[in-house]
Amino acid sequence: MGSLGAPELLIIGVVLVLLFGATRLPQTAKGLGQSLKIFRKELQDDSSEQQPAPGALPQGYSGQAQQPAPPAQAPDATPSEPHQSHQSH
């Protein structure tokens, strides 16, 4: 697939003038340029937000030591009531 040459660009230009008209074409190009500029700015802002600043703490980390969880309680070795099996005949 080749690159666009002068004849192809001329045809594209004629089609654009026919679609948008000679008066609306500069306005459309200006709007498209402004949209592209805003899009690029947002991409740069988004990529700078994702990269943490040097020396910054990871998200969710306060820098303070966490307290250990309390030890789990062992179940009683001797139940208060003896286990009875209920069987119906």
C-alpha atoms as a PDB file:
ATOM      1  CA  MET A   1       0.000   0.000   0.000  1.00  0.00           C
ATOM      2  CA  GLY A   2       1.580   3.248  -1.119  1.00  0.00           C
ATOM      3  CA  SER A   3       1.597   6.702   0.339  1.00  0.00           C
ATOM      4  CA  LEU A   4      -0.731   9.488  -0.763  1.00  0.00           C
ATOM      5  CA  GLY A   5       0.580  11.503  -3.683  1.00  0.00           C
ATOM      6  CA  ALA A   6      -0.499  14.844  -5.139  1.00  0.00           C
ATOM      7  CA  PRO A   7      -3.376  13.449  -7.260  1.00  0.00           C
ATOM      8  CA  GLU A   8      -4.883  11.602  -4.302  1.00  0.00           C
ATOM      9  CA  LEU A   9      -4.647  14.653  -2.033  1.00  0.00           C
ATOM     10  CA  LEU A  10      -6.255  16.804  -4.745  1.00  0.00           C
ATOM     11  CA  ILE A  11      -9.173  14.375  -5.040  1.00  0.00           C
ATOM     12  CA  ILE A  12      -9.611  14.318  -1.251  1.00  0.00           C
ATOM     13  CA  GLY A  13      -9.589  18.136  -1.205  1.00  0.00           C
ATOM     14  CA  VAL A  14     -12.254  18.345  -3.933  1.00  0.00           C
ATOM     15  CA  VAL A  15     -14.458  15.840  -2.081  1.00  0.00           C
ATOM     16  CA  LEU A  16     -14.121  17.843   1.152  1.00  0.00           C
ATOM     17  CA  VAL A  17     -15.087  21.092  -0.601  1.00  0.00           C
ATOM     18  CA  LEU A  18     -18.102  19.363  -2.152  1.00  0.00           C
ATOM     19  CA  LEU A  19     -19.172  17.904   1.206  1.00  0.00           C
ATOM     20  CA  PHE A  20     -18.672  20.930   3.452  1.00  0.00           C
ATOM     21  CA  GLY A  21     -18.705  23.859   1.021  1.00  0.00           C
ATOM     22  CA  ALA A  22     -16.025  26.496   0.639  1.00  0.00           C
ATOM     23  CA  THR A  23     -17.323  28.626   3.535  1.00  0.00           C
ATOM     24  CA  ARG A  24     -17.758  25.883   6.124  1.00  0.00           C
ATOM     25  CA  LEU A  25     -14.466  24.119   5.399  1.00  0.00           C
ATOM     26  CA  PRO A  26     -12.232  26.588   7.346  1.00  0.00           C
ATOM     27  CA  GLN A  27     -14.626  26.511  10.313  1.00  0.00           C
ATOM     28  CA  THR A  28     -14.659  22.717  10.284  1.00  0.00           C
ATOM     29  CA  ALA A  29     -10.865  22.532  10.089  1.00  0.00           C
ATOM     30  CA  LYS A  30     -10.538  25.004  12.977  1.00  0.00           C
ATOM     31  CA  GLY A  31     -12.942  22.967  15.134  1.00  0.00           C
ATOM     32  CA  LEU A  32     -11.110  19.768  14.297  1.00  0.00           C
ATOM     33  CA  GLY A  33      -7.760  21.365  15.197  1.00  0.00           C
ATOM     34  CA  GLN A  34      -9.081  22.611  18.537  1.00  0.00           C
ATOM     35  CA  SER A  35     -10.527  19.197  19.334  1.00  0.00           C
ATOM     36  CA  LEU A  36      -7.213  17.525  18.525  1.00  0.00           C
ATOM     37  CA  LYS A  37      -5.347  20.026  20.705  1.00  0.00           C
ATOM     38  CA  ILE A  38      -7.662  19.345  23.676  1.00  0.00           C
ATOM     39  CA  PHE A  39      -7.364  15.596  23.123  1.00  0.00           C
ATOM     40  CA  ARG A  40      -3.548  15.731  23.190  1.00  0.00           C
ATOM     41  CA  LYS A  41      -3.593  17.866  26.351  1.00  0.00           C
ATOM     42  CA  GLU A  42      -5.897  15.385  28.097  1.00  0.00           C
ATOM     43  CA  LEU A  43      -3.628  12.492  27.097  1.00  0.00           C
ATOM     44  CA  GLN A  44      -0.623  14.274  28.634  1.00  0.00           C
ATOM     45  CA  ASP A  45      -2.576  15.084  31.820  1.00  0.00           C
ATOM     46  CA  ASP A  46      -3.769  11.489  32.108  1.00  0.00           C
ATOM     47  CA  SER A  47      -0.283  10.022  31.674  1.00  0.00           C
ATOM     48  CA  SER A  48       1.197  12.426  34.241  1.00  0.00           C
ATOM     49  CA  GLU A  49      -1.472  11.436  36.789  1.00  0.00           C
ATOM     50  CA  GLN A  50      -0.655   7.751  36.409  1.00  0.00           C
ATOM     51  CA  GLN A  51       3.045   8.201  37.149  1.00  0.00           C
ATOM     52  CA  PRO A  52       3.643   8.887  40.853  1.00  0.00           C
ATOM     53  CA  ALA A  53       5.857  11.780  41.817  1.00  0.00           C
ATOM     54  CA  PRO A  54       9.383  10.894  42.989  1.00  0.00           C
ATOM     55  CA  GLY A  55       9.308  10.083  46.695  1.00  0.00           C
ATOM     56  CA  ALA A  56       5.532   9.675  46.737  1.00  0.00           C
ATOM     57  CA  LEU A  57       3.989   6.885  48.779  1.00  0.00           C
ATOM     58  CA  PRO A  58       2.011   4.163  47.017  1.00  0.00           C
ATOM     59  CA  GLN A  59      -1.735   4.687  46.886  1.00  0.00           C
ATOM     60  CA  GLY A  60      -3.429   3.509  50.086  1.00  0.00           C
ATOM     61  CA  TYR A  61      -0.193   3.585  52.083  1.00  0.00           C
ATOM     62  CA  SER A  62      -0.021   6.111  54.905  1.00  0.00           C
ATOM     63  CA  GLY A  63       3.535   5.428  56.013  1.00  0.00           C
ATOM     64  CA  GLN A  64       2.474   4.395  59.518  1.00  0.00           C
ATOM     65  CA  ALA A  65       3.055   0.909  60.839  1.00  0.00           C
ATOM     66  CA  GLN A  66      -0.031  -1.242  60.927  1.00  0.00           C
ATOM     67  CA  GLN A  67      -1.082  -2.851  64.193  1.00  0.00           C
ATOM     68  CA  PRO A  68      -1.011  -6.642  64.172  1.00  0.00           C
ATOM     69  CA  ALA A  69      -4.309  -8.498  64.153  1.00  0.00           C
ATOM     70  CA  PRO A  70      -5.407  -9.951  67.511  1.00  0.00           C
ATOM     71  CA  PRO A  71      -4.640 -13.658  67.915  1.00  0.00           C
ATOM     72  CA  ALA A  72      -7.408 -16.056  66.975  1.00  0.00           C
ATOM     73  CA  GLN A  73      -9.135 -17.683  69.916  1.00  0.00           C
ATOM     74  CA  ALA A  74      -8.881 -21.429  70.089  1.00  0.00           C
ATOM     75  CA  PRO A  75     -12.177 -23.301  70.488  1.00  0.00           C
ATOM     76  CA  ASP A  76     -12.836 -24.793  73.899  1.00  0.00           C
ATOM     77  CA  ALA A  77     -11.551 -28.328  74.248  1.00  0.00           C
ATOM     78  CA  THR A  78     -14.455 -29.306  76.496  1.00  0.00           C
ATOM     79  CA  PRO A  79     -17.883 -28.369  75.230  1.00  0.00           C
ATOM     80  CA  SER A  80     -20.360 -27.146  77.807  1.00  0.00           C
ATOM     81  CA  GLU A  81     -23.029 -29.658  76.711  1.00  0.00           C
ATOM     82  CA  PRO A  82     -22.310 -33.173  75.486  1.00  0.00           C
ATOM     83  CA  HIS A  83     -23.103 -33.779  71.853  1.00  0.00           C
ATOM     84  CA  GLN A  84     -26.156 -35.963  71.409  1.00  0.00           C
ATOM     85  CA  SER A  85     -27.062 -37.504  68.111  1.00  0.00           C
ATOM     86  CA  HIS A  86     -30.727 -37.401  67.230  1.00  0.00           C
ATOM     87  CA  GLN A  87     -31.829 -40.366  65.265  1.00  0.00           C
ATOM     88  CA  SER A  88     -35.422 -41.085  64.429  1.00  0.00           C
ATOM     89  CA  HIS A  89     -36.474 -44.650  63.764  1.00  0.00           C
END
